[in-house]
């Protein structure tokens, strides 16, 4: 299984990514090894995740989510 997730950061921004293990990936983000963006914008919590059968499907959903505006992402995560 693969997952798409959205993180909320300390400065109230959103980060979207995909992985095969959300908790392990979140720990990498917290340690500063996850992504360049989350090194500068420390993640606070996972606000959204969705499961997919294939890596390809997860990557397509990640690309779709990244095209959404902030309010659409917040709505998807149930925060708006």
PDB file of N, CA and C in Angstrom:
ATOM      1  N   UNK A   1       0.823  -1.193   0.000  1.00  0.00           N
ATOM      2  CA  UNK A   1       0.000   0.000   0.000  1.00  0.00           C
ATOM      3  C   UNK A   1       0.871   1.263   0.000  1.00  0.00           C
ATOM      4  N   UNK A   2       0.334   2.289  -0.602  1.00  0.00           N
ATOM      5  CA  UNK A   2       0.991   3.594  -0.642  1.00  0.00           C
ATOM      6  C   UNK A   2       0.007   4.637  -0.128  1.00  0.00           C
ATOM      7  N   UNK A   3       0.541   5.732   0.367  1.00  0.00           N
ATOM      8  CA  UNK A   3      -0.281   6.752   0.999  1.00  0.00           C
ATOM      9  C   UNK A   3       0.114   8.135   0.511  1.00  0.00           C
ATOM     10  N   UNK A   4      -0.878   9.002   0.438  1.00  0.00           N
ATOM     11  CA  UNK A   4      -0.662  10.431   0.221  1.00  0.00           C
ATOM     12  C   UNK A   4      -1.011  11.083   1.555  1.00  0.00           C
ATOM     13  N   UNK A   5      -0.201  12.049   1.968  1.00  0.00           N
ATOM     14  CA  UNK A   5      -0.439  12.698   3.253  1.00  0.00           C
ATOM     15  C   UNK A   5      -0.243  14.202   3.128  1.00  0.00           C
ATOM     16  N   UNK A   6      -0.860  14.917   4.043  1.00  0.00           N
ATOM     17  CA  UNK A   6      -0.660  16.365   4.155  1.00  0.00           C
ATOM     18  C   UNK A   6      -0.239  16.646   5.592  1.00  0.00           C
ATOM     19  N   UNK A   7       0.841  17.411   5.736  1.00  0.00           N
ATOM     20  CA  UNK A   7       1.334  17.819   7.046  1.00  0.00           C
ATOM     21  C   UNK A   7       1.015  19.284   7.281  1.00  0.00           C
ATOM     22  N   UNK A   8       0.706  19.617   8.519  1.00  0.00           N
ATOM     23  CA  UNK A   8       0.587  21.007   8.952  1.00  0.00           C
ATOM     24  C   UNK A   8       1.906  21.368   9.608  1.00  0.00           C
ATOM     25  N   UNK A   9       2.468  22.526   9.273  1.00  0.00           N
ATOM     26  CA  UNK A   9       3.761  22.933   9.832  1.00  0.00           C
ATOM     27  C   UNK A   9       3.587  23.983  10.929  1.00  0.00           C
ATOM     28  N   UNK A  10       4.667  24.243  11.647  1.00  0.00           N
ATOM     29  CA  UNK A  10       4.656  25.215  12.747  1.00  0.00           C
ATOM     30  C   UNK A  10       4.170  26.593  12.310  1.00  0.00           C
ATOM     31  N   UNK A  11       4.531  26.981  11.095  1.00  0.00           N
ATOM     32  CA  UNK A  11       4.124  28.318  10.619  1.00  0.00           C
ATOM     33  C   UNK A  11       2.838  28.262   9.801  1.00  0.00           C
ATOM     34  N   UNK A  12       2.022  27.207  10.053  1.00  0.00           N
ATOM     35  CA  UNK A  12       0.682  27.087   9.489  1.00  0.00           C
ATOM     36  C   UNK A  12       0.659  26.909   7.973  1.00  0.00           C
ATOM     37  N   UNK A  13       1.708  26.299   7.408  1.00  0.00           N
ATOM     38  CA  UNK A  13       1.694  25.962   5.992  1.00  0.00           C
ATOM     39  C   UNK A  13       1.389  24.466   5.859  1.00  0.00           C
ATOM     40  N   UNK A  14       1.122  24.040   4.643  1.00  0.00           N
ATOM     41  CA  UNK A  14       0.797  22.647   4.374  1.00  0.00           C
ATOM     42  C   UNK A  14       1.851  22.032   3.464  1.00  0.00           C
ATOM     43  N   UNK A  15       2.183  20.766   3.718  1.00  0.00           N
ATOM     44  CA  UNK A  15       3.120  20.034   2.877  1.00  0.00           C
ATOM     45  C   UNK A  15       2.461  18.723   2.485  1.00  0.00           C
ATOM     46  N   UNK A  16       2.520  18.387   1.204  1.00  0.00           N
ATOM     47  CA  UNK A  16       1.922  17.158   0.694  1.00  0.00           C
ATOM     48  C   UNK A  16       3.014  16.237   0.163  1.00  0.00           C
ATOM     49  N   UNK A  17       2.876  14.940   0.437  1.00  0.00           N
ATOM     50  CA  UNK A  17       3.825  13.960  -0.064  1.00  0.00           C
ATOM     51  C   UNK A  17       3.184  12.594  -0.175  1.00  0.00           C
ATOM     52  N   UNK A  18       3.967  11.611  -0.633  1.00  0.00           N
ATOM     53  CA  UNK A  18       3.487  10.231  -0.682  1.00  0.00           C
ATOM     54  C   UNK A  18       4.556   9.318  -0.095  1.00  0.00           C
ATOM     55  N   UNK A  19       4.139   8.150   0.368  1.00  0.00           N
ATOM     56  CA  UNK A  19       5.052   7.208   1.008  1.00  0.00           C
ATOM     57  C   UNK A  19       4.398   5.832   1.095  1.00  0.00           C
ATOM     58  N   UNK A  20       5.178   4.860   1.545  1.00  0.00           N
ATOM     59  CA  UNK A  20       4.595   3.544   1.814  1.00  0.00           C
ATOM     60  C   UNK A  20       4.435   3.318   3.324  1.00  0.00           C
ATOM     61  N   UNK A  21       4.865   4.295   4.145  1.00  0.00           N
ATOM     62  CA  UNK A  21       4.736   4.203   5.598  1.00  0.00           C
ATOM     63  C   UNK A  21       4.651   5.625   6.161  1.00  0.00           C
ATOM     64  N   UNK A  22       3.443   6.063   6.470  1.00  0.00           N
ATOM     65  CA  UNK A  22       3.220   7.460   6.875  1.00  0.00           C
ATOM     66  C   UNK A  22       3.946   7.803   8.175  1.00  0.00           C
ATOM     67  N   UNK A  23       3.841   6.954   9.181  1.00  0.00           N
ATOM     68  CA  UNK A  23       4.479   7.265  10.471  1.00  0.00           C
ATOM     69  C   UNK A  23       6.001   7.358  10.351  1.00  0.00           C
ATOM     70  N   UNK A  24       6.600   6.429   9.627  1.00  0.00           N
ATOM     71  CA  UNK A  24       8.059   6.451   9.430  1.00  0.00           C
ATOM     72  C   UNK A  24       8.474   7.710   8.666  1.00  0.00           C
ATOM     73  N   UNK A  25       7.698   8.066   7.657  1.00  0.00           N
ATOM     74  CA  UNK A  25       8.001   9.269   6.864  1.00  0.00           C
ATOM     75  C   UNK A  25       7.851  10.525   7.714  1.00  0.00           C
ATOM     76  N   UNK A  26       6.824  10.571   8.558  1.00  0.00           N
ATOM     77  CA  UNK A  26       6.615  11.717   9.445  1.00  0.00           C
ATOM     78  C   UNK A  26       7.814  11.872  10.383  1.00  0.00           C
ATOM     79  N   UNK A  27       8.315  10.766  10.915  1.00  0.00           N
ATOM     80  CA  UNK A  27       9.496  10.813  11.775  1.00  0.00           C
ATOM     81  C   UNK A  27      10.708  11.368  11.023  1.00  0.00           C
ATOM     82  N   UNK A  28      10.840  11.002   9.749  1.00  0.00           N
ATOM     83  CA  UNK A  28      11.943  11.552   8.944  1.00  0.00           C
ATOM     84  C   UNK A  28      11.798  13.057   8.794  1.00  0.00           C
ATOM     85  N   UNK A  29      10.566  13.513   8.547  1.00  0.00           N
ATOM     86  CA  UNK A  29      10.328  14.952   8.437  1.00  0.00           C
ATOM     87  C   UNK A  29      10.692  15.643   9.759  1.00  0.00           C
ATOM     88  N   UNK A  30      10.290  15.053  10.868  1.00  0.00           N
ATOM     89  CA  UNK A  30      10.584  15.647  12.177  1.00  0.00           C
ATOM     90  C   UNK A  30      12.088  15.734  12.448  1.00  0.00           C
ATOM     91  N   UNK A  31      12.826  14.744  11.967  1.00  0.00           N
ATOM     92  CA  UNK A  31      14.273  14.721  12.205  1.00  0.00           C
ATOM     93  C   UNK A  31      15.054  15.612  11.237  1.00  0.00           C
ATOM     94  N   UNK A  32      14.349  16.197  10.247  1.00  0.00           N
ATOM     95  CA  UNK A  32      15.019  17.068   9.286  1.00  0.00           C
ATOM     96  C   UNK A  32      15.539  16.333   8.060  1.00  0.00           C
ATOM     97  N   UNK A  33      15.228  15.048   7.936  1.00  0.00           N
ATOM     98  CA  UNK A  33      15.715  14.260   6.809  1.00  0.00           C
ATOM     99  C   UNK A  33      14.633  13.964   5.768  1.00  0.00           C
ATOM    100  N   UNK A  34      13.430  14.486   5.973  1.00  0.00           N
ATOM    101  CA  UNK A  34      12.316  14.150   5.098  1.00  0.00           C
ATOM    102  C   UNK A  34      12.300  14.884   3.774  1.00  0.00           C
ATOM    103  N   UNK A  35      12.408  16.184   3.804  1.00  0.00           N
ATOM    104  CA  UNK A  35      12.356  17.006   2.591  1.00  0.00           C
ATOM    105  C   UNK A  35      12.942  18.373   2.905  1.00  0.00           C
ATOM    106  N   UNK A  36      13.438  19.024   1.898  1.00  0.00           N
ATOM    107  CA  UNK A  36      14.021  20.349   2.077  1.00  0.00           C
ATOM    108  C   UNK A  36      12.991  21.311   2.692  1.00  0.00           C
ATOM    109  N   UNK A  37      11.755  21.229   2.210  1.00  0.00           N
ATOM    110  CA  UNK A  37      10.709  22.131   2.706  1.00  0.00           C
ATOM    111  C   UNK A  37      10.468  21.941   4.196  1.00  0.00           C
ATOM    112  N   UNK A  38      10.412  20.695   4.656  1.00  0.00           N
ATOM    113  CA  UNK A  38      10.114  20.455   6.066  1.00  0.00           C
ATOM    114  C   UNK A  38      11.325  20.648   6.977  1.00  0.00           C
ATOM    115  N   UNK A  39      12.501  20.817   6.408  1.00  0.00           N
ATOM    116  CA  UNK A  39      13.649  21.221   7.231  1.00  0.00           C
ATOM    117  C   UNK A  39      13.482  22.675   7.662  1.00  0.00           C
ATOM    118  N   UNK A  40      12.965  23.495   6.761  1.00  0.00           N
ATOM    119  CA  UNK A  40      12.766  24.916   7.049  1.00  0.00           C
ATOM    120  C   UNK A  40      11.420  25.195   7.707  1.00  0.00           C
ATOM    121  N   UNK A  41      10.446  24.322   7.468  1.00  0.00           N
ATOM    122  CA  UNK A  41       9.087  24.488   7.994  1.00  0.00           C
ATOM    123  C   UNK A  41       8.735  23.223   8.779  1.00  0.00           C
ATOM    124  N   UNK A  42       9.034  23.247  10.064  1.00  0.00           N
ATOM    125  CA  UNK A  42       8.903  22.043  10.889  1.00  0.00           C
ATOM    126  C   UNK A  42       7.457  21.546  10.952  1.00  0.00           C
ATOM    127  N   UNK A  43       7.257  20.253  10.671  1.00  0.00           N
ATOM    128  CA  UNK A  43       5.908  19.697  10.729  1.00  0.00           C
ATOM    129  C   UNK A  43       5.408  19.552  12.167  1.00  0.00           C
ATOM    130  N   UNK A  44       4.100  19.748  12.344  1.00  0.00           N
ATOM    131  CA  UNK A  44       3.474  19.636  13.650  1.00  0.00           C
ATOM    132  C   UNK A  44       2.648  18.350  13.722  1.00  0.00           C
ATOM    133  N   UNK A  45       1.833  18.113  12.684  1.00  0.00           N
ATOM    134  CA  UNK A  45       1.005  16.913  12.699  1.00  0.00           C
ATOM    135  C   UNK A  45       0.552  16.545  11.293  1.00  0.00           C
ATOM    136  N   UNK A  46       0.124  15.300  11.166  1.00  0.00           N
ATOM    137  CA  UNK A  46      -0.459  14.805   9.922  1.00  0.00           C
ATOM    138  C   UNK A  46      -1.939  15.166   9.957  1.00  0.00           C
ATOM    139  N   UNK A  47      -2.396  15.915   8.953  1.00  0.00           N
ATOM    140  CA  UNK A  47      -3.800  16.337   8.947  1.00  0.00           C
ATOM    141  C   UNK A  47      -4.644  15.580   7.926  1.00  0.00           C
ATOM    142  N   UNK A  48      -3.986  14.823   7.042  1.00  0.00           N
ATOM    143  CA  UNK A  48      -4.717  14.068   6.026  1.00  0.00           C
ATOM    144  C   UNK A  48      -3.862  12.918   5.540  1.00  0.00           C
ATOM    145  N   UNK A  49      -4.505  11.786   5.292  1.00  0.00           N
ATOM    146  CA  UNK A  49      -3.828  10.692   4.602  1.00  0.00           C
ATOM    147  C   UNK A  49      -4.867   9.844   3.884  1.00  0.00           C
ATOM    148  N   UNK A  50      -4.473   9.328   2.733  1.00  0.00           N
ATOM    149  CA  UNK A  50      -5.336   8.463   1.928  1.00  0.00           C
ATOM    150  C   UNK A  50      -4.495   7.292   1.431  1.00  0.00           C
ATOM    151  N   UNK A  51      -5.113   6.132   1.321  1.00  0.00           N
ATOM    152  CA  UNK A  51      -4.421   4.902   0.949  1.00  0.00           C
ATOM    153  C   UNK A  51      -4.683   4.549  -0.510  1.00  0.00           C
ATOM    154  N   UNK A  52      -3.642   4.040  -1.184  1.00  0.00           N
ATOM    155  CA  UNK A  52      -3.742   3.648  -2.589  1.00  0.00           C
ATOM    156  C   UNK A  52      -3.078   2.297  -2.797  1.00  0.00           C
ATOM    157  N   UNK A  53      -3.574   1.547  -3.749  1.00  0.00           N
ATOM    158  CA  UNK A  53      -3.039   0.210  -4.043  1.00  0.00           C
ATOM    159  C   UNK A  53      -1.660   0.277  -4.702  1.00  0.00           C
ATOM    160  N   UNK A  54      -1.447   1.307  -5.544  1.00  0.00           N
ATOM    161  CA  UNK A  54      -0.193   1.370  -6.291  1.00  0.00           C
ATOM    162  C   UNK A  54       0.537   2.693  -6.039  1.00  0.00           C
ATOM    163  N   UNK A  55       1.834   2.650  -6.245  1.00  0.00           N
ATOM    164  CA  UNK A  55       2.653   3.856  -6.122  1.00  0.00           C
ATOM    165  C   UNK A  55       2.213   4.885  -7.155  1.00  0.00           C
ATOM    166  N   UNK A  56       1.915   4.416  -8.353  1.00  0.00           N
ATOM    167  CA  UNK A  56       1.485   5.309  -9.428  1.00  0.00           C
ATOM    168  C   UNK A  56       0.223   6.070  -9.049  1.00  0.00           C
ATOM    169  N   UNK A  57      -0.747   5.379  -8.473  1.00  0.00           N
ATOM    170  CA  UNK A  57      -1.998   6.031  -8.071  1.00  0.00           C
ATOM    171  C   UNK A  57      -1.747   7.075  -6.986  1.00  0.00           C
ATOM    172  N   UNK A  58      -0.872   6.747  -6.038  1.00  0.00           N
ATOM    173  CA  UNK A  58      -0.543   7.694  -4.968  1.00  0.00           C
ATOM    174  C   UNK A  58       0.162   8.922  -5.527  1.00  0.00           C
ATOM    175  N   UNK A  59       1.073   8.713  -6.454  1.00  0.00           N
ATOM    176  CA  UNK A  59       1.799   9.841  -7.048  1.00  0.00           C
ATOM    177  C   UNK A  59       0.863  10.737  -7.855  1.00  0.00           C
ATOM    178  N   UNK A  60      -0.102  10.146  -8.535  1.00  0.00           N
ATOM    179  CA  UNK A  60      -1.075  10.942  -9.290  1.00  0.00           C
ATOM    180  C   UNK A  60      -1.928  11.789  -8.354  1.00  0.00           C
ATOM    181  N   UNK A  61      -2.339  11.193  -7.234  1.00  0.00           N
ATOM    182  CA  UNK A  61      -3.140  11.938  -6.265  1.00  0.00           C
ATOM    183  C   UNK A  61      -2.320  13.051  -5.620  1.00  0.00           C
ATOM    184  N   UNK A  62      -1.060  12.770  -5.321  1.00  0.00           N
ATOM    185  CA  UNK A  62      -0.181  13.812  -4.761  1.00  0.00           C
ATOM    186  C   UNK A  62      -0.081  14.985  -5.733  1.00  0.00           C
ATOM    187  N   UNK A  63       0.114  14.701  -7.006  1.00  0.00           N
ATOM    188  CA  UNK A  63       0.212  15.759  -8.020  1.00  0.00           C
ATOM    189  C   UNK A  63      -1.085  16.555  -8.092  1.00  0.00           C
ATOM    190  N   UNK A  64      -2.216  15.868  -8.006  1.00  0.00           N
ATOM    191  CA  UNK A  64      -3.519  16.545  -8.043  1.00  0.00           C
ATOM    192  C   UNK A  64      -3.679  17.456  -6.835  1.00  0.00           C
ATOM    193  N   UNK A  65      -3.322  16.964  -5.658  1.00  0.00           N
ATOM    194  CA  UNK A  65      -3.463  17.753  -4.429  1.00  0.00           C
ATOM    195  C   UNK A  65      -2.553  18.971  -4.468  1.00  0.00           C
ATOM    196  N   UNK A  66      -1.344  18.816  -4.972  1.00  0.00           N
ATOM    197  CA  UNK A  66      -0.408  19.939  -5.021  1.00  0.00           C
ATOM    198  C   UNK A  66      -0.903  21.075  -5.913  1.00  0.00           C
ATOM    199  N   UNK A  67      -1.808  20.771  -6.823  1.00  0.00           N
ATOM    200  CA  UNK A  67      -2.379  21.804  -7.689  1.00  0.00           C
ATOM    201  C   UNK A  67      -3.533  22.559  -7.026  1.00  0.00           C
ATOM    202  N   UNK A  68      -4.040  22.032  -5.914  1.00  0.00           N
ATOM    203  CA  UNK A  68      -5.151  22.680  -5.212  1.00  0.00           C
ATOM    204  C   UNK A  68      -4.663  23.938  -4.498  1.00  0.00           C
ATOM    205  N   UNK A  69      -5.570  24.881  -4.300  1.00  0.00           N
ATOM    206  CA  UNK A  69      -5.199  26.054  -3.505  1.00  0.00           C
ATOM    207  C   UNK A  69      -5.298  25.702  -2.017  1.00  0.00           C
ATOM    208  N   UNK A  70      -4.841  26.588  -1.176  1.00  0.00           N
ATOM    209  CA  UNK A  70      -4.792  26.316   0.267  1.00  0.00           C
ATOM    210  C   UNK A  70      -6.157  25.947   0.837  1.00  0.00           C
ATOM    211  N   UNK A  71      -7.179  26.698   0.496  1.00  0.00           N
ATOM    212  CA  UNK A  71      -8.507  26.416   1.036  1.00  0.00           C
ATOM    213  C   UNK A  71      -9.014  25.050   0.597  1.00  0.00           C
ATOM    214  N   UNK A  72      -8.733  24.661  -0.629  1.00  0.00           N
ATOM    215  CA  UNK A  72      -9.144  23.341  -1.111  1.00  0.00           C
ATOM    216  C   UNK A  72      -8.416  22.233  -0.347  1.00  0.00           C
ATOM    217  N   UNK A  73      -7.132  22.450  -0.049  1.00  0.00           N
ATOM    218  CA  UNK A  73      -6.371  21.467   0.729  1.00  0.00           C
ATOM    219  C   UNK A  73      -6.907  21.392   2.162  1.00  0.00           C
ATOM    220  N   UNK A  74      -7.218  22.528   2.747  1.00  0.00           N
ATOM    221  CA  UNK A  74      -7.781  22.546   4.098  1.00  0.00           C
ATOM    222  C   UNK A  74      -9.130  21.835   4.132  1.00  0.00           C
ATOM    223  N   UNK A  75      -9.941  22.044   3.115  1.00  0.00           N
ATOM    224  CA  UNK A  75     -11.243  21.381   3.005  1.00  0.00           C
ATOM    225  C   UNK A  75     -11.050  19.863   2.882  1.00  0.00           C
ATOM    226  N   UNK A  76     -10.108  19.442   2.063  1.00  0.00           N
ATOM    227  CA  UNK A  76      -9.804  18.025   1.899  1.00  0.00           C
ATOM    228  C   UNK A  76      -9.391  17.396   3.227  1.00  0.00           C
ATOM    229  N   UNK A  77      -8.617  18.127   4.000  1.00  0.00           N
ATOM    230  CA  UNK A  77      -8.138  17.634   5.294  1.00  0.00           C
ATOM    231  C   UNK A  77      -9.183  17.773   6.402  1.00  0.00           C
ATOM    232  N   UNK A  78     -10.337  18.362   6.074  1.00  0.00           N
ATOM    233  CA  UNK A  78     -11.395  18.546   7.078  1.00  0.00           C
ATOM    234  C   UNK A  78     -11.106  19.658   8.061  1.00  0.00           C
ATOM    235  N   UNK A  79     -10.275  20.600   7.675  1.00  0.00           N
ATOM    236  CA  UNK A  79      -9.906  21.711   8.558  1.00  0.00           C
ATOM    237  C   UNK A  79     -10.641  22.999   8.214  1.00  0.00           C
ATOM    238  N   UNK A  80     -11.508  22.939   7.224  1.00  0.00           N
ATOM    239  CA  UNK A  80     -12.239  24.150   6.810  1.00  0.00           C
ATOM    240  C   UNK A  80     -13.692  23.806   6.605  1.00  0.00           C
TER     241      UNK A  80
END
